[in-house]
Amino acid sequence: MNPTLLSQDFGDGDGAAFAGILIFLGVAYLAVLIATTIGWWKCFEKAGQPGWAAIIPVYNLVVMFRVGGLSGWWAASILLAGIPVLGALALFGIFIWAHIRIAERFGHGVGFALGMTFLSPIFWCVLGFGDSQYRPAIPAPAQA
């Protein structure tokens, strides 16, 4: 081992820069969290569900699945996150499926649902504050 590496002084500027980065990331995370919660609140109200459910952990997932016309028990799928790799992928797929169902009930397509998955704060707020109307039952396609 090189003893000069162990005794190297990094100075005070490095710690301040690191702290600044952490503070910026924390504020950005809070902004995303707050925007998503506001979007959920408005969407839940449009769907006839209690808006306050958006601020209750786990219960907000129960209501989200209900808005998509699914059983609230699908919220238990969050437990899949405890299974390394495959569980996280399965959970990701379930959320995309739920977002597709929700987007369809608000009159949007798969592209909008993918936006809800990857750009949550923006698309949930667009859904909540936009002109989209919630349709509890999706009409069946006409058969020839």
C-alpha atoms as a PDB file:
ATOM      1  CA  MET A   1       0.000   0.000   0.000  1.00  0.00           C
ATOM      2  CA  ASN A   2       1.086   3.495  -0.702  1.00  0.00           C
ATOM      3  CA  PRO A   3       1.220   5.441   2.594  1.00  0.00           C
ATOM      4  CA  THR A   4       0.867   8.788   0.820  1.00  0.00           C
ATOM      5  CA  LEU A   5      -2.586   7.781  -0.425  1.00  0.00           C
ATOM      6  CA  LEU A   6      -3.781   7.101   3.096  1.00  0.00           C
ATOM      7  CA  SER A   7      -2.538  10.409   4.436  1.00  0.00           C
ATOM      8  CA  GLN A   8      -3.789  12.558   1.567  1.00  0.00           C
ATOM      9  CA  ASP A   9      -5.839  15.575   2.656  1.00  0.00           C
ATOM     10  CA  PHE A  10      -8.907  16.206   0.505  1.00  0.00           C
ATOM     11  CA  GLY A  11      -9.604  19.680   1.856  1.00  0.00           C
ATOM     12  CA  ASP A  12     -12.823  21.323   2.977  1.00  0.00           C
ATOM     13  CA  GLY A  13     -14.145  22.123  -0.503  1.00  0.00           C
ATOM     14  CA  ASP A  14     -14.832  18.485  -1.353  1.00  0.00           C
ATOM     15  CA  GLY A  15     -17.079  17.942   1.660  1.00  0.00           C
ATOM     16  CA  ALA A  16     -19.039  21.106   0.948  1.00  0.00           C
ATOM     17  CA  ALA A  17     -19.540  20.091  -2.694  1.00  0.00           C
ATOM     18  CA  PHE A  18     -20.740  16.655  -1.617  1.00  0.00           C
ATOM     19  CA  ALA A  19     -23.139  18.174   0.916  1.00  0.00           C
ATOM     20  CA  GLY A  20     -24.450  20.546  -1.752  1.00  0.00           C
ATOM     21  CA  ILE A  21     -25.108  17.652  -4.111  1.00  0.00           C
ATOM     22  CA  LEU A  22     -26.932  15.722  -1.380  1.00  0.00           C
ATOM     23  CA  ILE A  23     -29.078  18.733  -0.512  1.00  0.00           C
ATOM     24  CA  PHE A  24     -29.935  19.295  -4.188  1.00  0.00           C
ATOM     25  CA  LEU A  25     -30.895  15.623  -4.657  1.00  0.00           C
ATOM     26  CA  GLY A  26     -32.995  15.686  -1.484  1.00  0.00           C
ATOM     27  CA  VAL A  27     -34.898  18.795  -2.602  1.00  0.00           C
ATOM     28  CA  ALA A  28     -35.406  17.306  -6.095  1.00  0.00           C
ATOM     29  CA  TYR A  29     -36.724  14.076  -4.568  1.00  0.00           C
ATOM     30  CA  LEU A  30     -39.160  15.986  -2.365  1.00  0.00           C
ATOM     31  CA  ALA A  31     -40.364  18.016  -5.365  1.00  0.00           C
ATOM     32  CA  VAL A  32     -41.048  14.826  -7.343  1.00  0.00           C
ATOM     33  CA  LEU A  33     -42.784  13.237  -4.347  1.00  0.00           C
ATOM     34  CA  ILE A  34     -44.999  16.270  -3.708  1.00  0.00           C
ATOM     35  CA  ALA A  35     -45.928  16.700  -7.391  1.00  0.00           C
ATOM     36  CA  THR A  36     -46.822  13.012  -7.723  1.00  0.00           C
ATOM     37  CA  THR A  37     -48.914  13.128  -4.544  1.00  0.00           C
ATOM     38  CA  ILE A  38     -50.808  16.197  -5.776  1.00  0.00           C
ATOM     39  CA  GLY A  39     -51.475  14.480  -9.107  1.00  0.00           C
ATOM     40  CA  TRP A  40     -52.678  11.326  -7.364  1.00  0.00           C
ATOM     41  CA  TRP A  41     -54.944  13.380  -5.090  1.00  0.00           C
ATOM     42  CA  LYS A  42     -56.691  15.052  -8.046  1.00  0.00           C
ATOM     43  CA  CYS A  43     -56.970  11.782 -10.013  1.00  0.00           C
ATOM     44  CA  PHE A  44     -58.406   9.937  -7.040  1.00  0.00           C
ATOM     45  CA  GLU A  45     -61.021  12.661  -6.585  1.00  0.00           C
ATOM     46  CA  LYS A  46     -61.938  12.524 -10.289  1.00  0.00           C
ATOM     47  CA  ALA A  47     -62.427   8.776  -9.938  1.00  0.00           C
ATOM     48  CA  GLY A  48     -64.739   9.191  -6.940  1.00  0.00           C
ATOM     49  CA  GLN A  49     -62.146   7.989  -4.425  1.00  0.00           C
ATOM     50  CA  PRO A  50     -60.949   9.968  -1.411  1.00  0.00           C
ATOM     51  CA  GLY A  51     -58.184  12.356  -2.424  1.00  0.00           C
ATOM     52  CA  TRP A  52     -56.514  12.174   0.986  1.00  0.00           C
ATOM     53  CA  ALA A  53     -55.658   8.533   0.199  1.00  0.00           C
ATOM     54  CA  ALA A  54     -52.739   9.855  -1.867  1.00  0.00           C
ATOM     55  CA  ILE A  55     -50.822  10.745   1.310  1.00  0.00           C
ATOM     56  CA  ILE A  56     -51.277   7.399   3.089  1.00  0.00           C
ATOM     57  CA  PRO A  57     -48.500   4.905   2.248  1.00  0.00           C
ATOM     58  CA  VAL A  58     -49.683   1.544   0.862  1.00  0.00           C
ATOM     59  CA  TYR A  59     -53.342   2.672   0.969  1.00  0.00           C
ATOM     60  CA  ASN A  60     -52.536   4.991  -1.936  1.00  0.00           C
ATOM     61  CA  LEU A  61     -51.590   1.883  -3.934  1.00  0.00           C
ATOM     62  CA  VAL A  62     -54.864   0.176  -2.959  1.00  0.00           C
ATOM     63  CA  VAL A  63     -56.792   3.182  -4.286  1.00  0.00           C
ATOM     64  CA  MET A  64     -54.601   3.421  -7.398  1.00  0.00           C
ATOM     65  CA  PHE A  65     -55.412  -0.200  -8.298  1.00  0.00           C
ATOM     66  CA  ARG A  66     -59.113   0.419  -7.604  1.00  0.00           C
ATOM     67  CA  VAL A  67     -59.073   3.422  -9.955  1.00  0.00           C
ATOM     68  CA  GLY A  68     -57.738   1.053 -12.608  1.00  0.00           C
ATOM     69  CA  GLY A  69     -60.665  -1.294 -12.010  1.00  0.00           C
ATOM     70  CA  LEU A  70     -58.535  -3.857 -10.217  1.00  0.00           C
ATOM     71  CA  SER A  71     -58.791  -5.340  -6.771  1.00  0.00           C
ATOM     72  CA  GLY A  72     -57.102  -3.362  -4.033  1.00  0.00           C
ATOM     73  CA  TRP A  73     -55.323  -6.575  -3.079  1.00  0.00           C
ATOM     74  CA  TRP A  74     -52.948  -5.958  -5.997  1.00  0.00           C
ATOM     75  CA  ALA A  75     -51.243  -3.473  -3.671  1.00  0.00           C
ATOM     76  CA  ALA A  76     -49.819  -6.508  -1.872  1.00  0.00           C
ATOM     77  CA  SER A  77     -47.647  -6.987  -4.968  1.00  0.00           C
ATOM     78  CA  ILE A  78     -45.326  -4.393  -3.408  1.00  0.00           C
ATOM     79  CA  LEU A  79     -43.952  -7.347  -1.431  1.00  0.00           C
ATOM     80  CA  LEU A  80     -42.402  -8.594  -4.690  1.00  0.00           C
ATOM     81  CA  ALA A  81     -39.818  -5.838  -4.333  1.00  0.00           C
ATOM     82  CA  GLY A  82     -38.183  -7.998  -1.654  1.00  0.00           C
ATOM     83  CA  ILE A  83     -37.253 -10.638  -4.238  1.00  0.00           C
ATOM     84  CA  PRO A  84     -33.994  -9.673  -5.920  1.00  0.00           C
ATOM     85  CA  VAL A  85     -34.150  -8.766  -9.626  1.00  0.00           C
ATOM     86  CA  LEU A  86     -37.120 -10.896 -10.752  1.00  0.00           C
ATOM     87  CA  GLY A  87     -39.417  -9.552  -8.055  1.00  0.00           C
ATOM     88  CA  ALA A  88     -38.560  -5.968  -8.958  1.00  0.00           C
ATOM     89  CA  LEU A  89     -39.149  -6.696 -12.656  1.00  0.00           C
ATOM     90  CA  ALA A  90     -42.483  -8.349 -11.896  1.00  0.00           C
ATOM     91  CA  LEU A  91     -43.519  -5.366  -9.756  1.00  0.00           C
ATOM     92  CA  PHE A  92     -42.494  -3.003 -12.552  1.00  0.00           C
ATOM     93  CA  GLY A  93     -44.643  -4.976 -15.010  1.00  0.00           C
ATOM     94  CA  ILE A  94     -47.622  -4.907 -12.640  1.00  0.00           C
ATOM     95  CA  PHE A  95     -47.328  -1.126 -12.288  1.00  0.00           C
ATOM     96  CA  ILE A  96     -47.160  -0.646 -16.062  1.00  0.00           C
ATOM     97  CA  TRP A  97     -50.264  -2.854 -16.411  1.00  0.00           C
ATOM     98  CA  ALA A  98     -52.096  -0.837 -13.732  1.00  0.00           C
ATOM     99  CA  HIS A  99     -51.096   2.448 -15.395  1.00  0.00           C
ATOM    100  CA  ILE A 100     -52.409   1.185 -18.740  1.00  0.00           C
ATOM    101  CA  ARG A 101     -55.747   0.350 -17.089  1.00  0.00           C
ATOM    102  CA  ILE A 102     -55.907   3.762 -15.412  1.00  0.00           C
ATOM    103  CA  ALA A 103     -54.964   5.622 -18.601  1.00  0.00           C
ATOM    104  CA  GLU A 104     -57.691   3.765 -20.539  1.00  0.00           C
ATOM    105  CA  ARG A 105     -60.293   4.711 -17.938  1.00  0.00           C
ATOM    106  CA  PHE A 106     -59.340   8.344 -18.386  1.00  0.00           C
ATOM    107  CA  GLY A 107     -59.500   8.051 -22.178  1.00  0.00           C
ATOM    108  CA  HIS A 108     -55.779   7.786 -22.921  1.00  0.00           C
ATOM    109  CA  GLY A 109     -53.632   5.104 -24.530  1.00  0.00           C
ATOM    110  CA  VAL A 110     -50.570   3.037 -23.788  1.00  0.00           C
ATOM    111  CA  GLY A 111     -48.168   5.899 -24.551  1.00  0.00           C
ATOM    112  CA  PHE A 112     -49.764   8.006 -21.828  1.00  0.00           C
ATOM    113  CA  ALA A 113     -49.562   5.041 -19.451  1.00  0.00           C
ATOM    114  CA  LEU A 114     -45.833   4.720 -20.119  1.00  0.00           C
ATOM    115  CA  GLY A 115     -45.517   8.427 -19.365  1.00  0.00           C
ATOM    116  CA  MET A 116     -47.319   7.792 -16.067  1.00  0.00           C
ATOM    117  CA  THR A 117     -44.717   5.132 -15.296  1.00  0.00           C
ATOM    118  CA  PHE A 118     -41.520   6.931 -16.310  1.00  0.00           C
ATOM    119  CA  LEU A 119     -42.463  10.603 -15.765  1.00  0.00           C
ATOM    120  CA  SER A 120     -44.923  10.175 -12.919  1.00  0.00           C
ATOM    121  CA  PRO A 121     -45.160  13.723 -11.531  1.00  0.00           C
ATOM    122  CA  ILE A 122     -45.850  15.253 -14.929  1.00  0.00           C
ATOM    123  CA  PHE A 123     -48.362  12.723 -16.226  1.00  0.00           C
ATOM    124  CA  TRP A 124     -50.269  12.272 -12.961  1.00  0.00           C
ATOM    125  CA  CYS A 125     -50.669  16.067 -12.729  1.00  0.00           C
ATOM    126  CA  VAL A 126     -51.773  16.248 -16.390  1.00  0.00           C
ATOM    127  CA  LEU A 127     -54.329  13.541 -15.651  1.00  0.00           C
ATOM    128  CA  GLY A 128     -55.496  15.178 -12.431  1.00  0.00           C
ATOM    129  CA  PHE A 129     -55.661  18.793 -13.591  1.00  0.00           C
ATOM    130  CA  GLY A 130     -56.466  18.187 -17.274  1.00  0.00           C
ATOM    131  CA  ASP A 131     -59.798  17.750 -19.029  1.00  0.00           C
ATOM    132  CA  SER A 132     -59.759  13.948 -18.851  1.00  0.00           C
ATOM    133  CA  GLN A 133     -62.939  12.426 -17.482  1.00  0.00           C
ATOM    134  CA  TYR A 134     -62.973   9.193 -15.514  1.00  0.00           C
ATOM    135  CA  ARG A 135     -65.047   6.386 -17.005  1.00  0.00           C
ATOM    136  CA  PRO A 136     -65.532   3.605 -14.449  1.00  0.00           C
ATOM    137  CA  ALA A 137     -66.373   0.975 -17.048  1.00  0.00           C
ATOM    138  CA  ILE A 138     -64.633   0.761 -20.394  1.00  0.00           C
ATOM    139  CA  PRO A 139     -67.142   0.028 -23.162  1.00  0.00           C
ATOM    140  CA  ALA A 140     -66.552  -3.262 -24.967  1.00  0.00           C
ATOM    141  CA  PRO A 141     -65.426  -2.987 -28.594  1.00  0.00           C
ATOM    142  CA  ALA A 142     -68.130  -3.598 -31.196  1.00  0.00           C
ATOM    143  CA  GLN A 143     -68.025  -7.043 -32.762  1.00  0.00           C
ATOM    144  CA  ALA A 144     -68.663  -7.628 -36.460  1.00  0.00           C
END
